Protein backbone atom coordinates (compact mmCIF):
# COMPACT_ATOMS: atom_id res chain seq x y z
CA MET A 1 -12.72 4.71 5.87
CA ASN A 2 -9.85 2.50 6.93
CA LYS A 3 -9.45 0.63 10.17
CA LEU A 4 -6.84 1.53 12.72
CA SER A 5 -3.35 1.00 11.42
CA LYS A 6 -3.87 1.98 7.81
CA LEU A 7 -0.50 0.82 6.61
CA ALA A 8 0.85 -2.61 7.18
CA PHE A 9 3.92 -2.22 5.19
CA SER A 10 5.69 -0.10 2.64
CA LEU A 11 8.16 -1.96 0.52
CA LEU A 12 10.97 0.24 -0.66
CA LEU A 13 13.19 -1.19 -3.35
CA CYS A 14 16.19 0.59 -4.77
CA LEU A 15 18.12 -0.44 -7.84
CA CYS A 16 21.09 1.64 -8.81
CA GLY A 17 20.71 3.41 -12.12
CA SER A 18 23.92 2.59 -13.92
CA LEU A 19 23.82 5.64 -16.19
CA THR A 20 22.67 8.31 -13.78
CA GLY A 21 24.11 7.10 -10.48
CA LYS A 22 20.66 7.66 -8.94
CA PRO A 23 18.67 4.72 -7.54
CA ASN A 24 15.36 3.70 -9.00
CA VAL A 25 12.72 3.42 -6.27
CA LEU A 26 9.67 1.16 -6.17
CA TRP A 27 7.24 1.80 -3.32
CA ILE A 28 4.39 -0.65 -2.63
CA THR A 29 1.73 0.11 -0.03
CA ALA A 30 -1.13 -2.11 1.17
CA GLU A 31 -4.16 -1.14 3.25
CA ASP A 32 -5.57 -2.15 6.64
CA MET A 33 -2.93 -4.72 7.32
CA SER A 34 -1.28 -4.82 10.71
CA PRO A 35 1.45 -7.53 10.74
CA VAL A 36 -0.76 -10.19 9.09
CA LEU A 37 2.11 -11.63 7.05
CA GLY A 38 4.14 -14.80 7.18
CA CYS A 39 7.35 -12.86 7.76
CA TYR A 40 5.81 -11.43 10.94
CA GLY A 41 4.81 -14.86 12.19
CA ASP A 42 1.10 -14.89 11.39
CA PRO A 43 0.13 -18.58 11.48
CA ASP A 44 -2.50 -18.33 8.72
CA ALA A 45 -0.77 -15.97 6.31
CA VAL A 46 -0.10 -17.19 2.78
CA THR A 47 2.27 -14.47 1.59
CA PRO A 48 5.22 -16.11 -0.20
CA ASN A 49 6.21 -13.08 -2.27
CA ILE A 50 6.40 -10.63 0.63
CA ASP A 51 8.06 -13.27 2.81
CA ALA A 52 10.74 -13.83 0.17
CA LEU A 53 11.33 -10.09 -0.09
CA ALA A 54 11.60 -9.84 3.70
CA ARG A 55 14.35 -12.47 3.71
CA GLN A 56 16.42 -10.22 1.43
CA SER A 57 15.54 -6.95 3.13
CA ILE A 58 15.07 -5.07 6.37
CA ARG A 59 11.97 -5.96 8.38
CA TYR A 60 10.75 -3.27 10.76
CA THR A 61 9.25 -4.42 14.05
CA HIS A 62 8.26 -1.09 15.62
CA ALA A 63 6.58 0.81 12.78
CA PHE A 64 3.39 2.80 13.28
CA ALA A 65 1.06 4.83 11.09
CA SER A 66 1.06 8.56 11.80
CA ALA A 67 -2.74 8.65 12.12
CA PRO A 68 -5.44 6.05 12.83
CA VAL A 69 -7.27 6.53 9.52
CA CYS A 70 -6.19 6.60 5.90
CA SER A 71 -6.28 10.18 4.59
CA PRO A 72 -4.51 11.93 7.50
CA SER A 73 -1.86 9.21 7.41
CA ARG A 74 -1.46 9.65 3.66
CA SER A 75 -1.00 13.41 4.09
CA CYS A 76 1.96 12.64 6.34
CA LEU A 77 3.46 10.23 3.82
CA ILE A 78 3.36 12.71 0.95
CA HIS A 79 4.60 15.74 2.95
CA GLY A 80 6.86 14.21 5.58
CA SER A 81 5.15 16.12 8.41
CA TYR A 82 2.75 14.97 11.09
CA PRO A 83 -0.95 15.61 10.33
CA PRO A 84 -1.47 18.04 13.26
CA SER A 85 1.31 20.22 11.81
CA LEU A 86 -0.38 20.20 8.40
CA GLY A 87 -3.94 20.76 9.60
CA THR A 88 -4.95 17.36 8.24
CA GLN A 89 -5.44 15.37 11.45
CA GLN A 90 -9.24 15.53 11.27
CA MET A 91 -10.68 13.19 8.66
CA ARG A 92 -12.15 15.19 5.75
CA SER A 93 -10.91 18.45 7.20
CA GLY A 94 -10.56 20.11 3.80
CA PHE A 95 -7.87 22.38 5.23
CA PRO A 96 -5.45 23.53 2.51
CA VAL A 97 -1.86 22.59 3.17
CA PRO A 98 0.43 25.66 2.99
CA ALA A 99 1.68 26.26 -0.54
CA TYR A 100 5.32 26.07 0.54
CA MET A 101 4.78 22.46 1.69
CA LYS A 102 5.62 20.33 -1.32
CA GLY A 103 4.94 16.66 -1.69
CA PHE A 104 8.32 14.91 -1.56
CA PRO A 105 7.92 13.41 -5.08
CA ALA A 106 7.97 16.99 -6.39
CA LEU A 107 11.48 17.31 -4.97
CA LEU A 108 12.47 14.06 -6.67
CA ARG A 109 11.12 15.38 -9.96
CA GLU A 110 13.29 18.47 -9.55
CA LYS A 111 16.28 16.11 -9.32
CA GLY A 112 15.41 14.40 -12.58
CA TYR A 113 13.15 11.57 -11.44
CA TYR A 114 10.11 10.29 -13.31
CA ALA A 115 7.48 9.98 -10.57
CA THR A 116 4.34 7.87 -10.90
CA ASN A 117 1.47 7.05 -8.57
CA ASN A 118 -0.92 4.14 -9.06
CA VAL A 119 -3.31 5.46 -7.92
CA LYS A 120 -4.58 6.63 -4.52
CA THR A 121 -4.30 10.38 -3.87
CA ASP A 122 -6.65 11.14 -0.99
CA TYR A 123 -4.35 13.53 0.90
CA ASN A 124 -7.10 15.04 3.10
CA SER A 125 -6.31 18.55 1.90
CA GLY A 126 -8.36 21.31 0.32
CA ASN A 127 -5.66 21.86 -2.30
CA TYR A 128 -5.06 18.19 -3.12
CA ARG A 129 -5.25 18.83 -6.87
CA GLU A 130 -2.22 21.11 -6.67
CA ILE A 131 -0.38 18.50 -4.62
CA ILE A 132 -1.12 15.81 -7.20
CA GLY A 133 -0.13 18.04 -10.11
CA SER A 134 3.23 19.01 -8.66
CA SER A 135 4.10 15.59 -7.23
CA TRP A 136 3.51 13.21 -10.11
CA ASP A 137 4.37 12.91 -13.77
CA GLU A 138 1.42 10.53 -13.92
CA SER A 139 -1.15 9.57 -11.30
CA SER A 140 -3.64 7.04 -12.67
CA ASN A 141 -4.60 3.37 -12.79
CA GLU A 142 -2.14 3.03 -15.67
CA ALA A 143 0.82 4.80 -14.04
CA HIS A 144 4.01 2.74 -14.30
CA TRP A 145 7.76 3.30 -14.42
CA ARG A 146 7.78 1.65 -17.85
CA LYS A 147 5.89 4.60 -19.32
CA ARG A 148 8.69 7.12 -18.77
CA PRO A 149 9.64 8.65 -22.15
CA ASP A 150 13.37 8.56 -21.40
CA LYS A 151 14.40 5.10 -20.17
CA LYS A 152 17.66 6.58 -18.88
CA LYS A 153 15.73 8.61 -16.32
CA PRO A 154 15.61 7.26 -12.77
CA PHE A 155 12.11 6.50 -11.54
CA PHE A 156 10.12 6.75 -8.33
CA SER A 157 7.08 4.53 -8.78
CA VAL A 158 4.31 4.03 -6.22
CA PHE A 159 1.69 1.27 -6.24
CA ASN A 160 -1.13 1.48 -3.69
CA LEU A 161 -2.77 -1.95 -3.45
CA MET A 162 -6.40 -1.92 -2.33
CA THR A 163 -7.06 -5.66 -2.13
CA SER A 164 -6.65 -5.85 1.66
CA HIS A 165 -8.73 -2.70 2.25
CA GLN A 166 -11.61 -3.20 4.67
CA SER A 167 -14.09 -2.57 1.87
CA ARG A 168 -12.95 -5.83 0.28
CA SER A 169 -12.50 -7.83 3.45
CA MET A 170 -15.69 -6.74 5.23
CA VAL A 171 -17.99 -4.39 3.31
CA TRP A 172 -18.43 -5.81 -0.18
CA PRO A 173 -21.27 -8.29 -0.67
CA TYR A 174 -19.87 -11.81 -0.51
CA GLU A 175 -20.67 -12.43 -4.18
CA ARG A 176 -18.52 -9.49 -5.24
CA PHE A 177 -15.70 -10.57 -2.94
CA GLU A 178 -15.76 -14.05 -4.47
CA LYS A 179 -15.73 -12.66 -8.01
CA GLU A 180 -13.04 -9.99 -7.62
CA VAL A 181 -10.79 -11.39 -4.89
CA ARG A 182 -11.30 -15.03 -4.04
CA SER A 183 -11.42 -16.13 -7.68
CA LYS A 184 -7.72 -15.21 -7.92
CA LEU A 185 -6.76 -17.89 -5.39
CA SER A 186 -6.17 -21.59 -5.83
CA ALA A 187 -8.06 -24.09 -3.68
CA ASP A 188 -4.97 -24.54 -1.49
CA GLU A 189 -4.73 -20.79 -0.88
CA ILE A 190 -8.31 -20.28 0.29
CA HIS A 191 -8.61 -20.13 4.08
CA ASP A 192 -11.00 -22.49 5.83
CA PRO A 193 -12.97 -20.59 8.51
CA LYS A 194 -12.88 -23.68 10.73
CA LYS A 195 -9.08 -23.73 10.75
CA VAL A 196 -8.08 -20.05 11.15
CA THR A 197 -6.40 -18.95 14.36
CA LEU A 198 -8.44 -16.45 16.36
CA PRO A 199 -6.90 -13.93 18.78
CA PRO A 200 -8.03 -14.68 22.35
CA TYR A 201 -10.04 -11.46 22.51
CA TYR A 202 -12.30 -12.48 19.58
CA PRO A 203 -15.46 -14.49 20.25
CA ASP A 204 -15.20 -17.91 18.65
CA THR A 205 -18.26 -17.74 16.39
CA LEU A 206 -18.81 -18.73 12.78
CA VAL A 207 -19.28 -15.09 11.76
CA VAL A 208 -15.93 -14.11 13.26
CA ARG A 209 -14.19 -17.10 11.70
CA ARG A 210 -15.59 -16.31 8.27
CA THR A 211 -14.49 -12.68 8.63
CA VAL A 212 -10.94 -13.64 9.62
CA ALA A 213 -10.70 -16.19 6.81
CA ARG A 214 -11.99 -13.65 4.28
CA PHE A 215 -9.43 -11.09 5.41
CA HIS A 216 -6.60 -13.60 5.04
CA ASP A 217 -7.85 -14.43 1.54
CA CYS A 218 -7.60 -10.71 0.71
CA VAL A 219 -4.04 -10.60 2.04
CA THR A 220 -3.07 -13.62 -0.06
CA ALA A 221 -4.52 -12.00 -3.19
CA MET A 222 -2.63 -8.81 -2.36
CA ASP A 223 0.60 -10.80 -2.04
CA LYS A 224 0.06 -12.12 -5.56
CA GLU A 225 -0.17 -8.53 -6.79
CA VAL A 226 3.11 -7.74 -5.05
CA GLY A 227 4.66 -10.74 -6.78
CA SER A 228 3.46 -9.51 -10.17
CA ILE A 229 4.98 -6.06 -9.65
CA LEU A 230 8.28 -7.53 -8.45
CA SER A 231 8.38 -9.83 -11.48
CA GLN A 232 8.03 -6.81 -13.77
CA LEU A 233 10.90 -5.17 -11.92
CA GLU A 234 13.06 -8.27 -12.37
CA GLU A 235 12.23 -8.34 -16.09
CA ASP A 236 13.57 -4.81 -16.46
């Protein structure tokens, strides 16, 4: 389960499709963030890719998740309605969303878009399989705009990055965190627990400092993933 404030940011990039007149859309979502980014003034953030994007874009300062945990919030994102209206406010409710409520990517597909999701689909609904099937041309770990059969088609491509999820920053054994997250960072990018800035409401203990440093390492690794996706977009 996610912490409060499931979504830190959603990066929405649009590039005009020269042949169709419809914009291509790249949507990147990260987990359990809050504004722990350089572009929001966090003193310990090492997020050069997101910061560079923010300098070219619109940065929202009063954005909130629609629910305090992940799945209800995700049900709102896919349907465009608040979780209490959908019956999805309670975590693991299993309530089926009414059949007439389509996921918005299904509407994009009707307009000729190639829609992909990589890869999270926990919509907190009893009929989530139907939602996935109607919303996405492909929903998998391999889903990518580059896989569309017709390159003239506009795309809507979602990437859900899990690297900053609380499972990585707090739950995984430290050995696994080092192998799968920290190993991606250079020595200069790794946060020293002794030097991180603690909010005044946190006790200044070694355990807290290590936790904060580990979380910032996860955010830095996530920023690298954002940079990789943006580089692929630039290549195309």
